[in-house]
C-alpha atoms as a PDB file:
ATOM      1  CA  MET A   1      -4.105 -11.868  21.324  1.00  0.00           C
ATOM      2  CA  ARG A   2      -2.658  -8.482  22.169  1.00  0.00           C
ATOM      3  CA  ILE A   3      -2.678  -5.984  19.296  1.00  0.00           C
ATOM      4  CA  ALA A   4      -0.835  -2.724  19.966  1.00  0.00           C
ATOM      5  CA  LEU A   5      -0.935   0.276  17.658  1.00  0.00           C
ATOM      6  CA  LEU A   6       1.699   2.997  18.012  1.00  0.00           C
ATOM      7  CA  ILE A   7       0.400   6.559  17.709  1.00  0.00           C
ATOM      8  CA  PHE A   8       2.000   9.970  18.240  1.00  0.00           C
ATOM      9  CA  PRO A   9       1.076  13.661  17.917  1.00  0.00           C
ATOM     10  CA  GLY A  10      -0.106  14.407  14.390  1.00  0.00           C
ATOM     11  CA  VAL A  11      -1.100  10.807  13.665  1.00  0.00           C
ATOM     12  CA  GLN A  12      -3.604  10.189  10.866  1.00  0.00           C
ATOM     13  CA  MET A  13      -6.664   9.153  12.837  1.00  0.00           C
ATOM     14  CA  LEU A  14      -8.024   6.630  10.336  1.00  0.00           C
ATOM     15  CA  ASP A  15      -4.651   4.849  10.320  1.00  0.00           C
ATOM     16  CA  ALA A  16      -5.365   3.960  13.932  1.00  0.00           C
ATOM     17  CA  VAL A  17      -9.121   3.592  14.302  1.00  0.00           C
ATOM     18  CA  GLY A  18      -9.670   1.781  10.976  1.00  0.00           C
ATOM     19  CA  PRO A  19      -7.598  -1.334  11.772  1.00  0.00           C
ATOM     20  CA  LEU A  20      -8.800  -1.396  15.385  1.00  0.00           C
ATOM     21  CA  GLU A  21     -12.434  -1.436  14.229  1.00  0.00           C
ATOM     22  CA  VAL A  22     -11.660  -4.420  12.008  1.00  0.00           C
ATOM     23  CA  PHE A  23     -10.118  -6.388  14.873  1.00  0.00           C
ATOM     24  CA  SER A  24     -12.957  -5.473  17.217  1.00  0.00           C
ATOM     25  CA  GLU A  25     -15.655  -6.476  14.739  1.00  0.00           C
ATOM     26  CA  ALA A  26     -13.823  -9.706  13.919  1.00  0.00           C
ATOM     27  CA  ALA A  27     -13.846 -10.739  17.562  1.00  0.00           C
ATOM     28  CA  ARG A  28     -17.592 -10.097  17.673  1.00  0.00           C
ATOM     29  CA  GLN A  29     -18.210 -12.019  14.460  1.00  0.00           C
ATOM     30  CA  ALA A  30     -16.190 -14.964  15.782  1.00  0.00           C
ATOM     31  CA  GLY A  31     -18.169 -14.996  19.016  1.00  0.00           C
ATOM     32  CA  LYS A  32     -14.885 -14.559  20.880  1.00  0.00           C
ATOM     33  CA  PRO A  33     -14.953 -11.154  22.572  1.00  0.00           C
ATOM     34  CA  ASP A  34     -11.513 -11.753  24.057  1.00  0.00           C
ATOM     35  CA  ALA A  35      -9.891 -12.826  20.781  1.00  0.00           C
ATOM     36  CA  TYR A  36      -8.100  -9.480  20.578  1.00  0.00           C
ATOM     37  CA  GLN A  37      -6.927  -7.145  23.304  1.00  0.00           C
ATOM     38  CA  LEU A  38      -6.546  -3.778  21.603  1.00  0.00           C
ATOM     39  CA  GLU A  39      -4.214  -1.095  22.857  1.00  0.00           C
ATOM     40  CA  LEU A  40      -3.043   2.348  21.742  1.00  0.00           C
ATOM     41  CA  VAL A  41       0.568   3.054  22.687  1.00  0.00           C
ATOM     42  CA  ALA A  42       2.204   6.495  22.475  1.00  0.00           C
ATOM     43  CA  PRO A  43       5.339   8.266  23.713  1.00  0.00           C
ATOM     44  CA  GLN A  44       3.217   9.321  26.714  1.00  0.00           C
ATOM     45  CA  ALA A  45      -0.080   7.894  27.933  1.00  0.00           C
ATOM     46  CA  GLY A  46      -3.191  10.040  27.657  1.00  0.00           C
ATOM     47  CA  PRO A  47      -4.655  12.269  24.930  1.00  0.00           C
ATOM     48  CA  VAL A  48      -2.820  12.370  21.598  1.00  0.00           C
ATOM     49  CA  GLN A  49      -3.939  14.993  19.090  1.00  0.00           C
ATOM     50  CA  ALA A  50      -4.408  13.598  15.593  1.00  0.00           C
ATOM     51  CA  SER A  51      -3.760  15.484  12.365  1.00  0.00           C
ATOM     52  CA  ASN A  52      -7.466  16.359  12.077  1.00  0.00           C
ATOM     53  CA  GLY A  53      -7.436  18.111  15.472  1.00  0.00           C
ATOM     54  CA  MET A  54      -9.313  15.393  17.340  1.00  0.00           C
ATOM     55  CA  ALA A  55      -7.770  13.346  20.131  1.00  0.00           C
ATOM     56  CA  LEU A  56      -7.104   9.674  20.680  1.00  0.00           C
ATOM     57  CA  ILE A  57      -6.395   8.293  24.148  1.00  0.00           C
ATOM     58  CA  ALA A  58      -3.256   6.203  24.505  1.00  0.00           C
ATOM     59  CA  SER A  59      -3.693   3.672  27.292  1.00  0.00           C
ATOM     60  CA  ALA A  60       0.036   3.093  27.688  1.00  0.00           C
ATOM     61  CA  ALA A  61       3.306   4.961  27.291  1.00  0.00           C
ATOM     62  CA  MET A  62       6.052   3.259  25.301  1.00  0.00           C
ATOM     63  CA  ASP A  63       8.389   2.917  28.272  1.00  0.00           C
ATOM     64  CA  ALA A  64       5.620   1.251  30.289  1.00  0.00           C
ATOM     65  CA  VAL A  65       5.106  -1.577  27.797  1.00  0.00           C
ATOM     66  CA  ASP A  66       6.600  -4.669  29.377  1.00  0.00           C
ATOM     67  CA  GLY A  67       6.377  -7.084  26.465  1.00  0.00           C
ATOM     68  CA  GLY A  68       3.590  -9.485  25.674  1.00  0.00           C
ATOM     69  CA  ILE A  69       2.554  -7.792  22.420  1.00  0.00           C
ATOM     70  CA  ASP A  70       1.598 -10.240  19.695  1.00  0.00           C
ATOM     71  CA  THR A  71       1.176  -7.781  16.817  1.00  0.00           C
ATOM     72  CA  LEU A  72       2.537  -4.233  16.702  1.00  0.00           C
ATOM     73  CA  LEU A  73       1.330  -1.824  14.030  1.00  0.00           C
ATOM     74  CA  VAL A  74       2.717   1.668  13.481  1.00  0.00           C
ATOM     75  CA  ALA A  75       0.321   4.364  12.271  1.00  0.00           C
ATOM     76  CA  GLY A  76       1.301   7.081   9.823  1.00  0.00           C
ATOM     77  CA  SER A  77       1.016  10.846   9.711  1.00  0.00           C
ATOM     78  CA  PRO A  78       0.965  13.622   7.093  1.00  0.00           C
ATOM     79  CA  HIS A  79       3.777  15.145   9.154  1.00  0.00           C
ATOM     80  CA  ILE A  80       5.878  12.017   9.674  1.00  0.00           C
ATOM     81  CA  ASP A  81       9.125  13.856   8.805  1.00  0.00           C
ATOM     82  CA  ALA A  82       8.609  16.408  11.562  1.00  0.00           C
ATOM     83  CA  LEU A  83       7.968  13.858  14.294  1.00  0.00           C
ATOM     84  CA  ASP A  84       9.639  14.829  17.578  1.00  0.00           C
ATOM     85  CA  ASP A  85      11.501  12.441  19.918  1.00  0.00           C
ATOM     86  CA  GLN A  86      12.317  10.190  16.993  1.00  0.00           C
ATOM     87  CA  ALA A  87      15.329   8.597  18.671  1.00  0.00           C
ATOM     88  CA  ALA A  88      13.221   7.223  21.513  1.00  0.00           C
ATOM     89  CA  LEU A  89      10.578   5.970  19.100  1.00  0.00           C
ATOM     90  CA  LEU A  90      13.123   4.228  16.891  1.00  0.00           C
ATOM     91  CA  GLU A  91      14.879   2.556  19.801  1.00  0.00           C
ATOM     92  CA  TRP A  92      11.559   1.349  21.182  1.00  0.00           C
ATOM     93  CA  LEU A  93      10.613  -0.057  17.774  1.00  0.00           C
ATOM     94  CA  ARG A  94      13.915  -1.922  17.492  1.00  0.00           C
ATOM     95  CA  THR A  95      13.374  -3.468  20.910  1.00  0.00           C
ATOM     96  CA  GLN A  96       9.799  -4.476  20.170  1.00  0.00           C
ATOM     97  CA  ALA A  97      10.691  -5.859  16.737  1.00  0.00           C
ATOM     98  CA  GLY A  98      12.752  -8.555  18.425  1.00  0.00           C
ATOM     99  CA  GLN A  99       9.872  -9.538  20.697  1.00  0.00           C
ATOM    100  CA  VAL A 100       6.602  -9.376  18.774  1.00  0.00           C
ATOM    101  CA  ARG A 101       5.256 -12.118  16.526  1.00  0.00           C
ATOM    102  CA  ARG A 102       4.169  -9.683  13.816  1.00  0.00           C
ATOM    103  CA  LEU A 103       5.302  -6.165  13.005  1.00  0.00           C
ATOM    104  CA  GLY A 104       3.624  -3.818  10.577  1.00  0.00           C
ATOM    105  CA  SER A 105       2.814  -0.298   9.471  1.00  0.00           C
ATOM    106  CA  VAL A 106      -0.082   1.642   8.055  1.00  0.00           C
ATOM    107  CA  CYS A 107       0.542   4.275   5.383  1.00  0.00           C
ATOM    108  CA  SER A 108       3.586   6.461   6.143  1.00  0.00           C
ATOM    109  CA  GLY A 109       4.248   4.546   9.360  1.00  0.00           C
ATOM    110  CA  ALA A 110       6.635   2.594   7.134  1.00  0.00           C
ATOM    111  CA  PHE A 111       9.046   5.534   7.343  1.00  0.00           C
ATOM    112  CA  LEU A 112       9.497   5.009  11.076  1.00  0.00           C
ATOM    113  CA  LEU A 113      10.216   1.311  10.562  1.00  0.00           C
ATOM    114  CA  ALA A 114      12.660   2.208   7.785  1.00  0.00           C
ATOM    115  CA  ARG A 115      14.469   4.758   9.951  1.00  0.00           C
ATOM    116  CA  ALA A 116      14.808   2.103  12.623  1.00  0.00           C
ATOM    117  CA  GLY A 117      16.504  -0.157  10.063  1.00  0.00           C
ATOM    118  CA  LEU A 118      13.700  -2.703  10.251  1.00  0.00           C
ATOM    119  CA  LEU A 119      12.831  -2.668   6.532  1.00  0.00           C
ATOM    120  CA  ASP A 120      16.296  -3.229   5.040  1.00  0.00           C
ATOM    121  CA  GLY A 121      16.128  -6.021   2.480  1.00  0.00           C
ATOM    122  CA  LYS A 122      12.349  -6.282   2.880  1.00  0.00           C
ATOM    123  CA  HIS A 123       9.530  -5.904   0.358  1.00  0.00           C
ATOM    124  CA  VAL A 124       7.147  -3.206   1.570  1.00  0.00           C
ATOM    125  CA  THR A 125       4.557  -0.669   0.489  1.00  0.00           C
ATOM    126  CA  THR A 126       3.307   2.707   1.655  1.00  0.00           C
ATOM    127  CA  HIS A 127       1.053   5.527   0.445  1.00  0.00           C
ATOM    128  CA  TRP A 128       1.386   6.019  -3.319  1.00  0.00           C
ATOM    129  CA  ASN A 129       2.470   9.629  -2.860  1.00  0.00           C
ATOM    130  CA  SER A 130       5.324   8.579  -0.576  1.00  0.00           C
ATOM    131  CA  SER A 131       6.564   5.420  -2.265  1.00  0.00           C
ATOM    132  CA  ALA A 132       9.228   7.091  -4.427  1.00  0.00           C
ATOM    133  CA  LYS A 133      10.443   9.067  -1.429  1.00  0.00           C
ATOM    134  CA  LEU A 134      10.702   5.922   0.697  1.00  0.00           C
ATOM    135  CA  ALA A 135      12.664   4.157  -2.039  1.00  0.00           C
ATOM    136  CA  ARG A 136      14.983   7.138  -2.477  1.00  0.00           C
ATOM    137  CA  LYS A 137      15.656   7.707   1.218  1.00  0.00           C
ATOM    138  CA  HIS A 138      16.069   4.024   2.024  1.00  0.00           C
ATOM    139  CA  PRO A 139      17.660   2.300  -0.993  1.00  0.00           C
ATOM    140  CA  LYS A 140      17.999  -1.016   0.880  1.00  0.00           C
ATOM    141  CA  VAL A 141      14.195  -1.261   1.069  1.00  0.00           C
ATOM    142  CA  HIS A 142      12.309  -2.909  -1.798  1.00  0.00           C
ATOM    143  CA  VAL A 143       9.274  -0.660  -2.275  1.00  0.00           C
ATOM    144  CA  GLU A 144       6.324  -2.166  -4.140  1.00  0.00           C
ATOM    145  CA  ALA A 145       4.560   1.035  -5.016  1.00  0.00           C
ATOM    146  CA  ASP A 146       1.273  -0.294  -6.395  1.00  0.00           C
ATOM    147  CA  GLN A 147       0.173  -2.673  -3.657  1.00  0.00           C
ATOM    148  CA  ILE A 148      -2.608  -2.378  -1.079  1.00  0.00           C
ATOM    149  CA  TYR A 149      -0.549  -4.320   1.447  1.00  0.00           C
ATOM    150  CA  VAL A 150       2.573  -6.458   1.370  1.00  0.00           C
ATOM    151  CA  ARG A 151       3.649  -9.321   3.586  1.00  0.00           C
ATOM    152  CA  ASP A 152       7.330 -10.223   3.851  1.00  0.00           C
ATOM    153  CA  GLY A 153       7.700 -12.955   6.431  1.00  0.00           C
ATOM    154  CA  THR A 154       6.458 -11.554   9.735  1.00  0.00           C
ATOM    155  CA  LEU A 155       6.534  -7.981   8.432  1.00  0.00           C
ATOM    156  CA  TYR A 156       3.313  -6.418   7.113  1.00  0.00           C
ATOM    157  CA  THR A 157       3.028  -2.991   5.488  1.00  0.00           C
ATOM    158  CA  SER A 158      -0.004  -1.299   3.968  1.00  0.00           C
ATOM    159  CA  ALA A 159      -0.703   1.557   1.610  1.00  0.00           C
ATOM    160  CA  GLY A 160      -2.459   4.797   2.390  1.00  0.00           C
ATOM    161  CA  VAL A 161      -4.951   5.289   5.201  1.00  0.00           C
ATOM    162  CA  SER A 162      -7.936   3.001   4.526  1.00  0.00           C
ATOM    163  CA  ALA A 163      -5.602   0.253   3.267  1.00  0.00           C
ATOM    164  CA  GLY A 164      -4.787  -0.330   6.941  1.00  0.00           C
ATOM    165  CA  MET A 165      -8.235  -1.904   7.203  1.00  0.00           C
ATOM    166  CA  ASP A 166      -7.401  -4.263   4.326  1.00  0.00           C
ATOM    167  CA  LEU A 167      -4.230  -5.244   6.157  1.00  0.00           C
ATOM    168  CA  ALA A 168      -6.117  -5.813   9.410  1.00  0.00           C
ATOM    169  CA  LEU A 169      -8.637  -7.979   7.576  1.00  0.00           C
ATOM    170  CA  ALA A 170      -5.799 -10.101   6.159  1.00  0.00           C
ATOM    171  CA  LEU A 171      -4.449 -10.569   9.688  1.00  0.00           C
ATOM    172  CA  VAL A 172      -7.921 -11.542  10.893  1.00  0.00           C
ATOM    173  CA  GLU A 173      -8.107 -14.196   8.186  1.00  0.00           C
ATOM    174  CA  GLU A 174      -4.769 -15.597   9.390  1.00  0.00           C
ATOM    175  CA  ASP A 175      -5.891 -15.592  13.026  1.00  0.00           C
ATOM    176  CA  LEU A 176      -9.579 -16.502  12.952  1.00  0.00           C
ATOM    177  CA  GLY A 177     -10.149 -18.011   9.522  1.00  0.00           C
ATOM    178  CA  ARG A 178     -11.679 -16.997   6.231  1.00  0.00           C
ATOM    179  CA  GLU A 179     -15.292 -17.246   7.371  1.00  0.00           C
ATOM    180  CA  THR A 180     -14.774 -14.772  10.198  1.00  0.00           C
ATOM    181  CA  ALA A 181     -12.851 -12.445   7.902  1.00  0.00           C
ATOM    182  CA  LEU A 182     -15.627 -12.645   5.305  1.00  0.00           C
ATOM    183  CA  ASN A 183     -18.338 -11.937   7.895  1.00  0.00           C
ATOM    184  CA  THR A 184     -16.310  -9.005   9.201  1.00  0.00           C
ATOM    185  CA  ALA A 185     -15.881  -7.612   5.697  1.00  0.00           C
ATOM    186  CA  ARG A 186     -19.609  -7.886   5.040  1.00  0.00           C
ATOM    187  CA  GLU A 187     -20.496  -6.160   8.293  1.00  0.00           C
ATOM    188  CA  LEU A 188     -18.071  -3.312   7.614  1.00  0.00           C
ATOM    189  CA  VAL A 189     -19.070  -3.155   3.929  1.00  0.00           C
ATOM    190  CA  MET A 190     -15.547  -4.016   2.787  1.00  0.00           C
ATOM    191  CA  PHE A 191     -14.093  -6.409   0.230  1.00  0.00           C
ATOM    192  CA  LEU A 192     -12.470  -9.450   1.833  1.00  0.00           C
ATOM    193  CA  LYS A 193      -9.712  -8.866  -0.697  1.00  0.00           C
ATOM    194  CA  ARG A 194      -9.926  -5.791  -2.880  1.00  0.00           C
ATOM    195  CA  PRO A 195     -10.661  -6.938  -6.420  1.00  0.00           C
ATOM    196  CA  GLY A 196      -8.729  -6.101  -9.550  1.00  0.00           C
ATOM    197  CA  GLY A 197      -8.562  -2.417 -10.304  1.00  0.00           C
ATOM    198  CA  GLN A 198      -8.269  -1.437  -6.688  1.00  0.00           C
ATOM    199  CA  SER A 199      -4.536  -0.910  -6.784  1.00  0.00           C
ATOM    200  CA  GLN A 200      -3.675   2.174  -4.801  1.00  0.00           C
ATOM    201  CA  PHE A 201      -2.751   4.625  -7.551  1.00  0.00           C
ATOM    202  CA  SER A 202      -2.793   5.032 -11.292  1.00  0.00           C
ATOM    203  CA  ALA A 203       0.105   5.522 -13.678  1.00  0.00           C
ATOM    204  CA  HIS A 204      -1.024   9.114 -14.187  1.00  0.00           C
ATOM    205  CA  LEU A 205      -0.597   9.799 -10.476  1.00  0.00           C
ATOM    206  CA  ALA A 206       2.766   8.051 -10.498  1.00  0.00           C
ATOM    207  CA  ALA A 207       3.931  10.323 -13.296  1.00  0.00           C
ATOM    208  CA  GLN A 208       2.942  13.392 -11.318  1.00  0.00           C
ATOM    209  CA  SER A 209       5.109  12.281  -8.386  1.00  0.00           C
ATOM    210  CA  SER A 210       8.360  11.922 -10.363  1.00  0.00           C
ATOM    211  CA  GLU A 211      10.956  14.536  -9.448  1.00  0.00           C
ATOM    212  CA  ARG A 212      13.217  14.495 -12.516  1.00  0.00           C
ATOM    213  CA  SER A 213      11.783  16.366 -15.488  1.00  0.00           C
ATOM    214  CA  ALA A 214      13.356  13.939 -17.983  1.00  0.00           C
ATOM    215  CA  ILE A 215      11.643  11.008 -16.262  1.00  0.00           C
ATOM    216  CA  ARG A 216       8.315  12.857 -16.161  1.00  0.00           C
ATOM    217  CA  GLU A 217       8.564  13.664 -19.864  1.00  0.00           C
ATOM    218  CA  VAL A 218       9.158  10.011 -20.720  1.00  0.00           C
ATOM    219  CA  GLN A 219       6.232   8.960 -18.525  1.00  0.00           C
ATOM    220  CA  GLU A 220       3.963  11.475 -20.237  1.00  0.00           C
ATOM    221  CA  TRP A 221       5.116  10.178 -23.632  1.00  0.00           C
ATOM    222  CA  VAL A 222       4.332   6.618 -22.550  1.00  0.00           C
ATOM    223  CA  LEU A 223       0.857   7.629 -21.363  1.00  0.00           C
ATOM    224  CA  ALA A 224       0.152   9.328 -24.697  1.00  0.00           C
ATOM    225  CA  SER A 225       1.498   6.440 -26.824  1.00  0.00           C
ATOM    226  CA  LEU A 226       0.285   3.262 -25.134  1.00  0.00           C
ATOM    227  CA  ALA A 227      -0.922   1.574 -28.321  1.00  0.00           C
ATOM    228  CA  GLU A 228       2.528   1.931 -29.899  1.00  0.00           C
ATOM    229  CA  PRO A 229       5.369  -0.590 -29.435  1.00  0.00           C
ATOM    230  CA  MET A 230       7.887   0.679 -26.896  1.00  0.00           C
ATOM    231  CA  SER A 231      10.912  -0.734 -25.135  1.00  0.00           C
ATOM    232  CA  VAL A 232      13.130   0.409 -22.295  1.00  0.00           C
ATOM    233  CA  ASP A 233      15.701   1.303 -24.950  1.00  0.00           C
ATOM    234  CA  ASP A 234      13.128   3.569 -26.614  1.00  0.00           C
ATOM    235  CA  MET A 235      12.341   5.239 -23.300  1.00  0.00           C
ATOM    236  CA  ALA A 236      16.013   5.746 -22.489  1.00  0.00           C
ATOM    237  CA  ALA A 237      16.699   7.258 -25.925  1.00  0.00           C
ATOM    238  CA  ARG A 238      13.827   9.670 -25.450  1.00  0.00           C
ATOM    239  CA  ALA A 239      15.323  10.742 -22.112  1.00  0.00           C
ATOM    240  CA  GLY A 240      18.760  11.143 -23.703  1.00  0.00           C
ATOM    241  CA  MET A 241      20.315   8.551 -21.392  1.00  0.00           C
ATOM    242  CA  SER A 242      21.922   5.156 -21.641  1.00  0.00           C
ATOM    243  CA  THR A 243      19.515   2.306 -20.966  1.00  0.00           C
ATOM    244  CA  ARG A 244      21.357   1.310 -17.811  1.00  0.00           C
ATOM    245  CA  ASN A 245      21.450   4.815 -16.342  1.00  0.00           C
ATOM    246  CA  PHE A 246      17.842   5.502 -17.320  1.00  0.00           C
ATOM    247  CA  SER A 247      16.635   2.273 -15.675  1.00  0.00           C
ATOM    248  CA  ARG A 248      18.567   3.078 -12.499  1.00  0.00           C
ATOM    249  CA  LEU A 249      17.284   6.657 -12.252  1.00  0.00           C
ATOM    250  CA  PHE A 250      13.729   5.652 -13.156  1.00  0.00           C
ATOM    251  CA  LYS A 251      13.631   3.051 -10.363  1.00  0.00           C
ATOM    252  CA  GLN A 252      15.251   5.484  -7.929  1.00  0.00           C
ATOM    253  CA  ASP A 253      12.769   8.235  -8.764  1.00  0.00           C
ATOM    254  CA  THR A 254       9.555   6.222  -9.003  1.00  0.00           C
ATOM    255  CA  GLY A 255      10.099   3.039  -7.001  1.00  0.00           C
ATOM    256  CA  MET A 256       9.317   0.844 -10.038  1.00  0.00           C
ATOM    257  CA  THR A 257      11.059  -0.331 -13.194  1.00  0.00           C
ATOM    258  CA  PRO A 258      10.288   1.257 -16.578  1.00  0.00           C
ATOM    259  CA  ALA A 259       8.663  -1.994 -17.719  1.00  0.00           C
ATOM    260  CA  ASP A 260       6.447  -2.062 -14.624  1.00  0.00           C
ATOM    261  CA  PHE A 261       5.367   1.513 -15.309  1.00  0.00           C
ATOM    262  CA  VAL A 262       4.457   0.751 -18.921  1.00  0.00           C
ATOM    263  CA  GLU A 263       2.462  -2.326 -17.983  1.00  0.00           C
ATOM    264  CA  GLY A 264       0.720  -0.447 -15.170  1.00  0.00           C
ATOM    265  CA  ALA A 265      -0.179   2.384 -17.538  1.00  0.00           C
ATOM    266  CA  ARG A 266      -1.585  -0.070 -20.071  1.00  0.00           C
ATOM    267  CA  ILE A 267      -3.618  -1.800 -17.394  1.00  0.00           C
ATOM    268  CA  ASP A 268      -5.007   1.582 -16.303  1.00  0.00           C
ATOM    269  CA  ALA A 269      -6.029   2.313 -19.901  1.00  0.00           C
ATOM    270  CA  ALA A 270      -7.623  -1.112 -20.275  1.00  0.00           C
ATOM    271  CA  ARG A 271      -9.488  -0.668 -16.994  1.00  0.00           C
ATOM    272  CA  ARG A 272     -10.983   2.612 -18.188  1.00  0.00           C
ATOM    273  CA  LEU A 273     -12.081   1.028 -21.465  1.00  0.00           C
ATOM    274  CA  LEU A 274     -13.637  -1.922 -19.641  1.00  0.00           C
ATOM    275  CA  GLU A 275     -15.419   0.388 -17.217  1.00  0.00           C
ATOM    276  CA  ASP A 276     -16.656   2.995 -19.704  1.00  0.00           C
ATOM    277  CA  THR A 277     -17.254   1.142 -22.979  1.00  0.00           C
ATOM    278  CA  ALA A 278     -18.722  -2.062 -24.350  1.00  0.00           C
ATOM    279  CA  ASN A 279     -15.786  -2.586 -26.741  1.00  0.00           C
ATOM    280  CA  PRO A 280     -14.777  -6.231 -27.238  1.00  0.00           C
ATOM    281  CA  LEU A 281     -11.622  -7.462 -25.525  1.00  0.00           C
ATOM    282  CA  LYS A 282      -9.728  -7.558 -28.832  1.00  0.00           C
ATOM    283  CA  ARG A 283     -10.230  -3.817 -29.276  1.00  0.00           C
ATOM    284  CA  VAL A 284      -9.512  -3.055 -25.614  1.00  0.00           C
ATOM    285  CA  ALA A 285      -6.252  -5.002 -25.882  1.00  0.00           C
ATOM    286  CA  ALA A 286      -5.197  -3.180 -29.058  1.00  0.00           C
ATOM    287  CA  TRP A 287      -6.029   0.305 -27.823  1.00  0.00           C
ATOM    288  CA  SER A 288      -4.298  -0.196 -24.479  1.00  0.00           C
ATOM    289  CA  GLY A 289      -1.141  -1.616 -26.023  1.00  0.00           C
ATOM    290  CA  PHE A 290      -1.393  -5.298 -25.124  1.00  0.00           C
ATOM    291  CA  GLY A 291      -1.782  -6.325 -28.752  1.00  0.00           C
ATOM    292  CA  ASN A 292      -4.183  -9.204 -28.234  1.00  0.00           C
ATOM    293  CA  PRO A 293      -6.679 -10.489 -25.647  1.00  0.00           C
ATOM    294  CA  ASN A 294      -4.291 -13.184 -24.376  1.00  0.00           C
ATOM    295  CA  GLY A 295      -1.684 -10.590 -23.416  1.00  0.00           C
ATOM    296  CA  LEU A 296      -4.393  -8.526 -21.749  1.00  0.00           C
ATOM    297  CA  ARG A 297      -5.651 -11.531 -19.758  1.00  0.00           C
ATOM    298  CA  ARG A 298      -2.168 -12.508 -18.611  1.00  0.00           C
ATOM    299  CA  ALA A 299      -1.422  -8.970 -17.409  1.00  0.00           C
ATOM    300  CA  PHE A 300      -4.734  -8.684 -15.544  1.00  0.00           C
ATOM    301  CA  GLN A 301      -4.260 -12.053 -13.860  1.00  0.00           C
ATOM    302  CA  ARG A 302      -0.685 -11.255 -12.892  1.00  0.00           C
ATOM    303  CA  ARG A 303      -1.237  -7.700 -11.653  1.00  0.00           C
ATOM    304  CA  LEU A 304      -4.863  -7.639 -10.520  1.00  0.00           C
ATOM    305  CA  GLY A 305      -5.747 -11.261  -9.847  1.00  0.00           C
ATOM    306  CA  VAL A 306      -8.881 -11.234 -12.051  1.00  0.00           C
ATOM    307  CA  THR A 307      -9.725 -11.672 -15.721  1.00  0.00           C
ATOM    308  CA  PRO A 308     -10.713  -8.649 -17.838  1.00  0.00           C
ATOM    309  CA  GLY A 309     -14.210 -10.125 -18.142  1.00  0.00           C
ATOM    310  CA  ASP A 310     -14.603 -10.431 -14.369  1.00  0.00           C
ATOM    311  CA  TYR A 311     -13.316  -6.890 -13.941  1.00  0.00           C
ATOM    312  CA  ARG A 312     -15.840  -5.557 -16.466  1.00  0.00           C
ATOM    313  CA  MET A 313     -18.753  -7.309 -14.754  1.00  0.00           C
ATOM    314  CA  ARG A 314     -17.870  -5.702 -11.435  1.00  0.00           C
ATOM    315  CA  PHE A 315     -16.924  -2.199 -12.511  1.00  0.00           C
ATOM    316  CA  GLN A 316     -18.597  -1.361 -15.810  1.00  0.00           C
ATOM    317  CA  LYS A 317     -20.355   1.982 -15.571  1.00  0.00           C
ATOM    318  CA  THR A 318     -22.127   2.133 -18.932  1.00  0.00           C
ATOM    319  CA  ALA A 319     -25.310   0.299 -19.856  1.00  0.00           C
ATOM    320  CA  ASN A 320     -24.886  -2.183 -22.678  1.00  0.00           C
END
């Protein structure tokens, strides 16, 4: 299976080498050294300087790729907006998108796919610090800001940097089965699937990334008042906007709905209480704004895929 990873000058090195290490180790764990044929592709073959000053070696130039790629992943870069020769890259991506079985991105590589028009109408994710920007620049793209990776049909996108390894591990599980993926995760000291609480950013970080001061002020109010009842109408009134306009601007600015932000903030608060205290679930639920343990459990299962009790067993820091 031929896996190609697109790199370019200024690429984030871990975006490239992290996923490739996962595929390589998976082939070894499966006892199938030829399971994956790994390839770095760049605008020109040869050394490509990464953002950390080190160099990767691209074995093939884009215009020399003659098809046959099974899975194409696009790496990201801290300088993705300043990427030169974008027109050639975008045209090459459009061509390959019609030929490969799977297409994906790591971190800010999603911006290149979006500029090529390959994410329109799709559910995607990217680095938490870029999610609002991606949603704003490409309004036809459905950005799921708090996800490690997202699959939408044959399109796969991952969050920041190391999340590319989580994405690669998910692809390994599809290709070679759960046992191989589990053995690979153990060897690389990874989770087969990141457990609850490992969402890519907290509500506090999301609030810091908002561009409109009125939105930031509402977010800060929410974070300071989680135990109090609050509705979207309350948030809109605090911002001095109609509910409809507030909801539109909030989603445009943050990549999530006001209700999603509130629930995410409450989950963050509950996580901290579960990690740092021995308080019973009833108190954790009340202090974090869920009202009762059943509401807390439902939110954890829906957003994190685990129960509060399971989360506490894995992440609690204090001795009981």
